[in-house]
Amino acid sequence: MQNRSSSNDRSSGIWSRLPSAGRLLIMFWAVSLTALAGVGLYGRHRAAHPAVGGIKNRPTAPISALASAQKTITPPPAQDISQAQPETVSHIAASGITETPLPKIGAPNNPATAMALPQPNSAAAPPTDRPALAVVMQGIGYSDTLTQIALAKLPAPVALGISPYVDDISDLIQRARSQGREVFVTLPMQSAHPEHVDEGPHALGYGNTEMQDRQELQWCLDRAAGATGLTDVSENGDDQSNGGYATTLDFAPIAEIMASHNLLYLAGSPDDGRQTKGMTATNWLNGDTDAATLDANLAALLPSASNPAPRILLMVGPLTPVAIQHLSDWLKGPAAKAFTLVPPSTFTDDGQTTNKQAEAAQISGAKSL
């Protein structure tokens, strides 16, 4: 019995058998390690979430500078985009305010979708005391810089002409429509002189079958989503007169498809024989010329005793710095006193152009300037 250990001895642990000095040493290290761990966690939290007032070495801006910064980032007040000047719209877009994407023009037999965009002839009738003037600036999109200048300088009724081959055409159409502008996309077609003009890989005509022409038209329609209409005029002018594809019988089914998509057709001249809903240009102005020639040609458009100019639909191209500046100055100066500036859709008709109408257009200055 003397050699058998008691139950108390068996249940006693290592801690009870340690001397007092050993117990104190273990307790000291346990407390120290716990404190170090707490400090480390707190430091990581502070690094991830610094307090605004706790960042050191930050220079203090003067009150005047802070006030200026607040003015810079304050968004402009809400405005009716259809009435805003182009300069204001450009500022809003640059400030990062999201623009509402424009819906695609209505597909055939879909009136609900077709009503999503402003319909042709929705503009108010121009005053009767002054002749109406509509302008289309061609060549938009080839130069980002010139496009920005045109959008900023030209008033909203000035419509834009865009090639379907421009890379960012969808963005350009959205930006133009957000300013209340009309947009006409060039429909590539075999010209009257195909040996001199290359209309690109998606052109209609050139010996295509009807199915091939319909496929090329669909490509252009997809690119022109959101546009007001299509046009046979490019940045180089009208090349359909006297034998172009638009003057042939093959164009009739193409015109019907355009009309079914609620697209207007802008013809470059009365000689194109437009037979579908849209409008016909009366004048072409070469923008790739010197300032003096531009000013003289613009001055020739002003009404006079010999040229009453009942209405003018002017197309300008290509897009050049001198064309933008002098057209802008003319529209703000002499033209503002002589004309009422309207969007091209104001001149929409059913396309049954008669010889009398063509002669009237010629009298008002249909010859190229």
Protein backbone atom coordinates (compact mmCIF):
# COMPACT_ATOMS: atom_id res chain seq x y z
CA MET A 1 0.00 0.00 0.00
CA GLN A 2 2.86 2.41 0.57
CA ASN A 3 4.08 2.10 -3.06
CA ARG A 4 0.62 2.87 -4.68
CA SER A 5 0.13 6.52 -5.75
CA SER A 6 -2.93 8.34 -4.46
CA SER A 7 -5.75 9.55 -6.78
CA ASN A 8 -4.85 13.18 -6.02
CA ASP A 9 -1.30 12.65 -7.21
CA ARG A 10 -2.54 11.14 -10.49
CA SER A 11 -4.97 14.02 -11.21
CA SER A 12 -2.52 16.79 -10.48
CA GLY A 13 -1.34 18.51 -13.68
CA ILE A 14 1.92 19.95 -14.90
CA TRP A 15 0.86 23.47 -13.78
CA SER A 16 0.55 22.36 -10.13
CA ARG A 17 3.94 20.71 -10.18
CA LEU A 18 5.69 23.84 -11.58
CA PRO A 19 7.52 26.05 -9.09
CA SER A 20 6.17 29.57 -8.48
CA ALA A 21 8.92 31.21 -10.57
CA GLY A 22 8.01 29.09 -13.60
CA ARG A 23 4.33 29.95 -13.34
CA LEU A 24 5.11 33.67 -13.23
CA LEU A 25 7.37 33.42 -16.26
CA ILE A 26 4.66 31.70 -18.35
CA MET A 27 2.03 34.25 -17.33
CA PHE A 28 4.38 37.12 -18.28
CA TRP A 29 4.97 35.81 -21.79
CA ALA A 30 1.26 35.07 -22.35
CA VAL A 31 0.29 38.63 -21.47
CA SER A 32 3.10 40.08 -23.61
CA LEU A 33 2.18 38.06 -26.70
CA THR A 34 -1.50 38.95 -26.37
CA ALA A 35 -0.67 42.66 -26.20
CA LEU A 36 1.62 42.48 -29.24
CA ALA A 37 -1.08 40.72 -31.27
CA GLY A 38 -3.62 43.41 -30.36
CA VAL A 39 -1.28 46.21 -31.41
CA GLY A 40 -0.61 44.49 -34.75
CA LEU A 41 -4.31 44.09 -35.55
CA TYR A 42 -5.02 47.72 -34.67
CA GLY A 43 -2.19 48.90 -36.96
CA ARG A 44 -3.55 46.93 -39.89
CA HIS A 45 -7.03 48.38 -39.33
CA ARG A 46 -5.66 51.93 -39.29
CA ALA A 47 -3.73 51.35 -42.51
CA ALA A 48 -6.81 50.08 -44.30
CA HIS A 49 -9.14 52.81 -42.96
CA PRO A 50 -7.18 56.03 -42.35
CA ALA A 51 -9.06 58.83 -40.62
CA VAL A 52 -9.46 62.04 -42.61
CA GLY A 53 -7.93 64.11 -39.90
CA GLY A 54 -5.13 61.67 -39.12
CA ILE A 55 -3.19 61.85 -42.40
CA LYS A 56 0.00 63.77 -41.83
CA ASN A 57 2.06 65.87 -44.20
CA ARG A 58 -1.01 66.82 -46.30
CA PRO A 59 -0.74 70.47 -47.41
CA THR A 60 -3.68 72.58 -46.35
CA ALA A 61 -5.37 74.33 -49.28
CA PRO A 62 -6.43 77.93 -48.77
CA ILE A 63 -10.15 78.63 -48.48
CA SER A 64 -10.24 80.33 -51.87
CA ALA A 65 -8.76 77.24 -53.55
CA LEU A 66 -11.30 74.99 -51.87
CA ALA A 67 -14.13 77.21 -53.04
CA SER A 68 -12.75 77.10 -56.58
CA ALA A 69 -12.55 73.31 -56.47
CA GLN A 70 -16.13 73.09 -55.33
CA LYS A 71 -17.23 75.26 -58.25
CA THR A 72 -15.32 73.00 -60.65
CA ILE A 73 -16.99 69.77 -59.62
CA THR A 74 -20.51 71.14 -59.16
CA PRO A 75 -22.64 69.69 -62.01
CA PRO A 76 -24.54 72.15 -64.19
CA PRO A 77 -28.26 72.59 -63.55
CA ALA A 78 -30.65 70.40 -65.47
CA GLN A 79 -31.70 71.81 -68.84
CA ASP A 80 -34.05 70.85 -71.63
CA ILE A 81 -31.57 69.19 -73.96
CA SER A 82 -33.66 69.98 -77.02
CA GLN A 83 -33.33 73.70 -76.30
CA ALA A 84 -29.73 73.76 -75.05
CA GLN A 85 -27.00 75.28 -77.15
CA PRO A 86 -24.36 72.87 -78.49
CA GLU A 87 -21.72 74.42 -76.21
CA THR A 88 -23.83 73.58 -73.15
CA VAL A 89 -24.47 70.04 -74.31
CA SER A 90 -20.76 69.42 -74.91
CA HIS A 91 -20.00 70.65 -71.38
CA ILE A 92 -22.59 68.32 -69.88
CA ALA A 93 -21.22 65.34 -71.77
CA ALA A 94 -17.64 66.18 -70.73
CA SER A 95 -18.69 66.38 -67.09
CA GLY A 96 -19.49 62.69 -67.08
CA ILE A 97 -23.27 62.91 -66.88
CA THR A 98 -24.71 59.78 -68.45
CA GLU A 99 -26.70 60.32 -71.60
CA THR A 100 -29.82 58.21 -72.13
CA PRO A 101 -29.19 55.87 -75.09
CA LEU A 102 -31.46 56.59 -78.02
CA PRO A 103 -33.72 53.74 -79.11
CA LYS A 104 -33.36 52.18 -82.51
CA ILE A 105 -35.65 53.52 -85.20
CA GLY A 106 -38.80 51.46 -85.48
CA ALA A 107 -38.63 48.22 -87.40
CA PRO A 108 -41.21 47.51 -90.08
CA ASN A 109 -44.79 47.23 -88.82
CA ASN A 110 -43.76 48.32 -85.32
CA PRO A 111 -45.42 51.71 -84.70
CA ALA A 112 -44.70 51.67 -80.95
CA THR A 113 -40.96 51.52 -81.54
CA ALA A 114 -41.14 54.03 -84.36
CA MET A 115 -42.65 56.60 -82.02
CA ALA A 116 -39.63 56.39 -79.72
CA LEU A 117 -37.81 59.05 -81.78
CA PRO A 118 -39.09 62.46 -82.86
CA GLN A 119 -41.06 62.01 -86.04
CA PRO A 120 -40.34 63.94 -89.25
CA ASN A 121 -42.11 67.27 -89.59
CA SER A 122 -42.41 67.48 -85.80
CA ALA A 123 -40.66 70.86 -85.90
CA ALA A 124 -42.85 73.95 -85.80
CA ALA A 125 -43.60 75.56 -89.12
CA PRO A 126 -41.12 78.35 -89.88
CA PRO A 127 -42.33 81.97 -89.75
CA THR A 128 -43.77 83.13 -93.04
CA ASP A 129 -41.98 86.48 -93.00
CA ARG A 130 -38.59 84.86 -93.68
CA PRO A 131 -37.62 81.96 -95.96
CA ALA A 132 -36.62 78.69 -94.32
CA LEU A 133 -33.02 77.47 -94.36
CA ALA A 134 -31.87 73.93 -93.51
CA VAL A 135 -28.22 72.84 -93.41
CA VAL A 136 -26.53 69.44 -93.41
CA MET A 137 -22.82 69.27 -92.56
CA GLN A 138 -21.24 66.25 -94.24
CA GLY A 139 -18.02 64.44 -93.27
CA ILE A 140 -18.66 64.10 -89.55
CA GLY A 141 -16.61 61.45 -87.74
CA TYR A 142 -13.44 61.23 -89.79
CA SER A 143 -11.64 63.64 -87.46
CA ASP A 144 -12.43 63.58 -83.73
CA THR A 145 -11.14 67.12 -83.30
CA LEU A 146 -13.15 68.62 -86.15
CA THR A 147 -16.24 66.69 -85.07
CA GLN A 148 -15.99 68.13 -81.55
CA ILE A 149 -15.60 71.64 -82.97
CA ALA A 150 -18.59 71.21 -85.28
CA LEU A 151 -20.81 69.91 -82.47
CA ALA A 152 -19.80 72.87 -80.30
CA LYS A 153 -20.01 75.67 -82.87
CA LEU A 154 -22.92 74.79 -85.16
CA PRO A 155 -26.46 75.44 -83.89
CA ALA A 156 -28.68 72.44 -83.18
CA PRO A 157 -30.92 72.72 -86.30
CA VAL A 158 -27.83 72.00 -88.44
CA ALA A 159 -28.02 68.30 -89.26
CA LEU A 160 -25.03 65.97 -89.57
CA GLY A 161 -24.06 63.67 -92.43
CA ILE A 162 -22.08 60.58 -91.46
CA SER A 163 -20.51 57.79 -93.51
CA PRO A 164 -21.51 54.26 -92.44
CA TYR A 165 -17.84 53.33 -92.57
CA VAL A 166 -16.98 55.58 -89.59
CA ASP A 167 -15.90 53.37 -86.68
CA ASP A 168 -17.79 55.08 -83.84
CA ILE A 169 -20.94 55.85 -85.81
CA SER A 170 -23.31 54.67 -83.04
CA ASP A 171 -21.70 57.02 -80.51
CA LEU A 172 -21.78 59.91 -83.00
CA ILE A 173 -25.48 59.37 -83.71
CA GLN A 174 -26.26 59.32 -79.99
CA ARG A 175 -24.28 62.49 -79.33
CA ALA A 176 -25.91 64.30 -82.24
CA ARG A 177 -29.44 63.26 -81.28
CA SER A 178 -28.81 64.25 -77.64
CA GLN A 179 -28.25 67.77 -78.97
CA GLY A 180 -31.56 67.65 -80.82
CA ARG A 181 -29.87 67.26 -84.20
CA GLU A 182 -31.01 65.23 -87.16
CA VAL A 183 -28.59 62.69 -88.63
CA PHE A 184 -28.39 61.38 -92.19
CA VAL A 185 -26.18 58.38 -92.94
CA THR A 186 -24.76 58.07 -96.45
CA LEU A 187 -26.01 55.01 -98.32
CA PRO A 188 -23.08 53.75 -100.42
CA MET A 189 -24.24 53.27 -104.01
CA GLN A 190 -22.69 52.97 -107.44
CA SER A 191 -22.14 56.48 -108.70
CA ALA A 192 -22.82 57.88 -112.12
CA HIS A 193 -19.08 57.59 -112.78
CA PRO A 194 -17.97 54.35 -111.06
CA GLU A 195 -14.63 54.44 -112.82
CA HIS A 196 -13.74 57.54 -110.79
CA VAL A 197 -15.52 56.94 -107.46
CA ASP A 198 -15.05 54.02 -105.07
CA GLU A 199 -18.04 53.69 -102.72
CA GLY A 200 -16.45 51.00 -100.57
CA PRO A 201 -17.09 47.28 -99.98
CA HIS A 202 -20.77 47.66 -98.99
CA ALA A 203 -21.98 49.68 -101.96
CA LEU A 204 -25.23 48.88 -103.76
CA GLY A 205 -25.13 48.33 -107.49
CA TYR A 206 -21.95 47.33 -109.31
CA GLY A 207 -23.70 44.30 -110.80
CA ASN A 208 -25.10 43.02 -107.50
CA THR A 209 -28.13 40.79 -107.46
CA GLU A 210 -31.24 42.11 -105.73
CA MET A 211 -30.49 39.85 -102.75
CA GLN A 212 -26.94 41.21 -102.49
CA ASP A 213 -28.22 44.77 -102.61
CA ARG A 214 -30.71 43.98 -99.84
CA GLN A 215 -27.90 42.54 -97.73
CA GLU A 216 -25.76 45.65 -98.21
CA LEU A 217 -28.75 47.83 -97.38
CA GLN A 218 -29.34 45.87 -94.17
CA TRP A 219 -25.69 46.41 -93.20
CA CYS A 220 -26.18 50.15 -93.64
CA LEU A 221 -29.49 50.12 -91.75
CA ASP A 222 -27.82 48.38 -88.81
CA ARG A 223 -25.08 51.01 -88.81
CA ALA A 224 -27.65 53.82 -89.07
CA ALA A 225 -29.70 52.80 -86.02
CA GLY A 226 -31.08 55.98 -84.43
CA ALA A 227 -30.54 58.16 -87.52
CA THR A 228 -33.19 60.38 -89.08
CA GLY A 229 -32.65 58.98 -92.54
CA LEU A 230 -30.29 58.00 -95.33
CA THR A 231 -28.80 60.13 -98.09
CA ASP A 232 -27.11 59.60 -101.43
CA VAL A 233 -24.72 62.47 -100.66
CA SER A 234 -21.25 61.91 -99.21
CA GLU A 235 -18.67 64.37 -97.94
CA ASN A 236 -17.62 64.80 -101.58
CA GLY A 237 -21.07 65.80 -102.81
CA ASP A 238 -23.82 64.20 -104.89
CA ASP A 239 -22.61 61.62 -107.38
CA GLN A 240 -25.98 60.07 -108.31
CA SER A 241 -27.17 62.57 -110.89
CA ASN A 242 -27.27 61.45 -114.51
CA GLY A 243 -27.04 57.69 -114.11
CA GLY A 244 -26.23 56.76 -110.53
CA TYR A 245 -27.79 53.72 -108.86
CA ALA A 246 -30.42 55.89 -107.10
CA THR A 247 -31.82 56.94 -110.48
CA THR A 248 -32.35 53.36 -111.73
CA LEU A 249 -35.36 51.05 -111.40
CA ASP A 250 -33.29 48.79 -109.13
CA PHE A 251 -33.51 51.45 -106.44
CA ALA A 252 -37.30 51.24 -106.13
CA PRO A 253 -37.39 48.21 -103.74
CA ILE A 254 -34.55 49.79 -101.73
CA ALA A 255 -36.61 52.96 -101.31
CA GLU A 256 -39.59 50.90 -100.14
CA ILE A 257 -37.47 49.20 -97.46
CA MET A 258 -36.19 52.55 -96.22
CA ALA A 259 -39.74 53.88 -95.97
CA SER A 260 -40.83 50.78 -94.04
CA HIS A 261 -38.13 51.58 -91.48
CA ASN A 262 -39.48 55.13 -91.04
CA LEU A 263 -36.32 56.58 -92.55
CA LEU A 264 -36.36 59.75 -94.62
CA TYR A 265 -34.36 59.91 -97.83
CA LEU A 266 -32.28 62.99 -98.52
CA ALA A 267 -31.50 63.32 -102.23
CA GLY A 268 -28.54 65.37 -103.34
CA SER A 269 -30.32 67.21 -106.15
CA PRO A 270 -33.62 67.29 -108.07
CA ASP A 271 -31.88 65.36 -110.86
CA ASP A 272 -31.80 62.27 -108.62
CA GLY A 273 -35.54 61.82 -109.23
CA ARG A 274 -36.42 60.96 -105.64
CA GLN A 275 -39.65 58.97 -105.44
CA THR A 276 -39.77 58.22 -101.73
CA LYS A 277 -40.56 60.20 -98.60
CA GLY A 278 -37.87 62.68 -97.69
CA MET A 279 -36.42 65.91 -99.00
CA THR A 280 -34.14 67.16 -101.79
CA ALA A 281 -31.12 69.40 -101.38
CA THR A 282 -31.12 72.65 -103.32
CA ASN A 283 -27.48 73.64 -102.85
CA TRP A 284 -24.07 72.08 -102.35
CA LEU A 285 -21.24 74.09 -100.79
CA ASN A 286 -17.65 72.90 -101.14
CA GLY A 287 -16.06 73.18 -97.70
CA ASP A 288 -12.57 72.39 -98.98
CA THR A 289 -11.79 75.86 -100.28
CA ASP A 290 -10.40 79.15 -99.04
CA ALA A 291 -12.20 81.52 -96.67
CA ALA A 292 -12.87 84.21 -99.27
CA THR A 293 -14.54 81.75 -101.65
CA LEU A 294 -16.65 80.31 -98.84
CA ASP A 295 -17.83 83.76 -97.76
CA ALA A 296 -18.70 84.71 -101.34
CA ASN A 297 -20.67 81.51 -101.93
CA LEU A 298 -22.55 81.89 -98.65
CA ALA A 299 -23.36 85.51 -99.44
CA ALA A 300 -24.80 84.40 -102.78
CA LEU A 301 -27.45 82.39 -100.92
CA LEU A 302 -28.96 85.45 -99.27
CA PRO A 303 -32.34 86.53 -100.66
CA SER A 304 -32.38 89.34 -103.16
CA ALA A 305 -34.69 90.81 -105.75
CA SER A 306 -33.33 88.43 -108.38
CA ASN A 307 -33.15 85.46 -106.01
CA PRO A 308 -36.11 85.37 -103.60
CA ALA A 309 -35.01 81.93 -102.31
CA PRO A 310 -38.34 80.59 -101.01
CA ARG A 311 -36.43 77.90 -99.14
CA ILE A 312 -32.93 76.43 -99.13
CA LEU A 313 -31.64 73.01 -98.10
CA LEU A 314 -27.88 73.47 -98.08
CA MET A 315 -25.39 70.60 -97.89
CA VAL A 316 -21.78 71.37 -96.95
CA GLY A 317 -18.75 69.13 -97.19
CA PRO A 318 -16.15 68.00 -96.54
CA LEU A 319 -15.66 68.97 -92.90
CA THR A 320 -12.79 71.46 -92.62
CA PRO A 321 -11.84 74.07 -89.97
CA VAL A 322 -12.53 76.95 -92.35
CA ALA A 323 -15.92 75.52 -93.35
CA ILE A 324 -17.01 75.12 -89.72
CA GLN A 325 -15.91 78.61 -88.69
CA HIS A 326 -17.29 80.53 -91.66
CA LEU A 327 -20.57 78.62 -91.75
CA SER A 328 -21.01 79.26 -88.03
CA ASP A 329 -20.29 82.98 -88.45
CA TRP A 330 -22.67 83.23 -91.42
CA LEU A 331 -25.49 81.48 -89.56
CA LYS A 332 -25.10 83.84 -86.59
CA GLY A 333 -24.79 86.94 -88.76
CA PRO A 334 -26.30 87.54 -92.22
CA ALA A 335 -28.29 84.29 -92.35
CA ALA A 336 -29.89 84.92 -88.96
CA LYS A 337 -31.41 88.14 -90.31
CA ALA A 338 -32.52 86.70 -93.64
CA PHE A 339 -33.64 83.12 -92.85
CA THR A 340 -35.35 80.98 -90.27
CA LEU A 341 -33.01 78.07 -89.52
CA VAL A 342 -34.92 74.77 -89.44
CA PRO A 343 -34.04 71.05 -89.40
CA PRO A 344 -34.08 69.35 -92.83
CA SER A 345 -37.16 67.24 -91.97
CA THR A 346 -39.19 70.46 -92.13
CA PHE A 347 -39.00 70.10 -95.92
CA THR A 348 -40.31 66.50 -95.98
CA ASP A 349 -42.63 65.56 -98.82
CA ASP A 350 -43.88 62.29 -100.28
CA GLY A 351 -41.25 62.23 -103.00
CA GLN A 352 -43.47 62.89 -105.99
CA THR A 353 -41.11 65.54 -107.36
CA THR A 354 -42.48 67.27 -110.40
CA ASN A 355 -40.62 69.17 -113.07
CA LYS A 356 -42.12 72.37 -111.67
CA GLN A 357 -40.68 71.69 -108.23
CA ALA A 358 -37.31 70.85 -109.72
CA GLU A 359 -37.30 74.12 -111.67
CA ALA A 360 -38.20 76.05 -108.50
CA ALA A 361 -35.27 74.42 -106.72
CA GLN A 362 -32.98 75.39 -109.57
CA ILE A 363 -34.17 78.99 -109.37
CA SER A 364 -33.42 79.10 -105.64
CA GLY A 365 -29.82 78.17 -106.34
CA ALA A 366 -29.57 74.45 -106.98
CA LYS A 367 -26.27 74.72 -108.80
CA SER A 368 -23.23 73.69 -106.81
CA LEU A 369 -21.30 76.50 -105.24
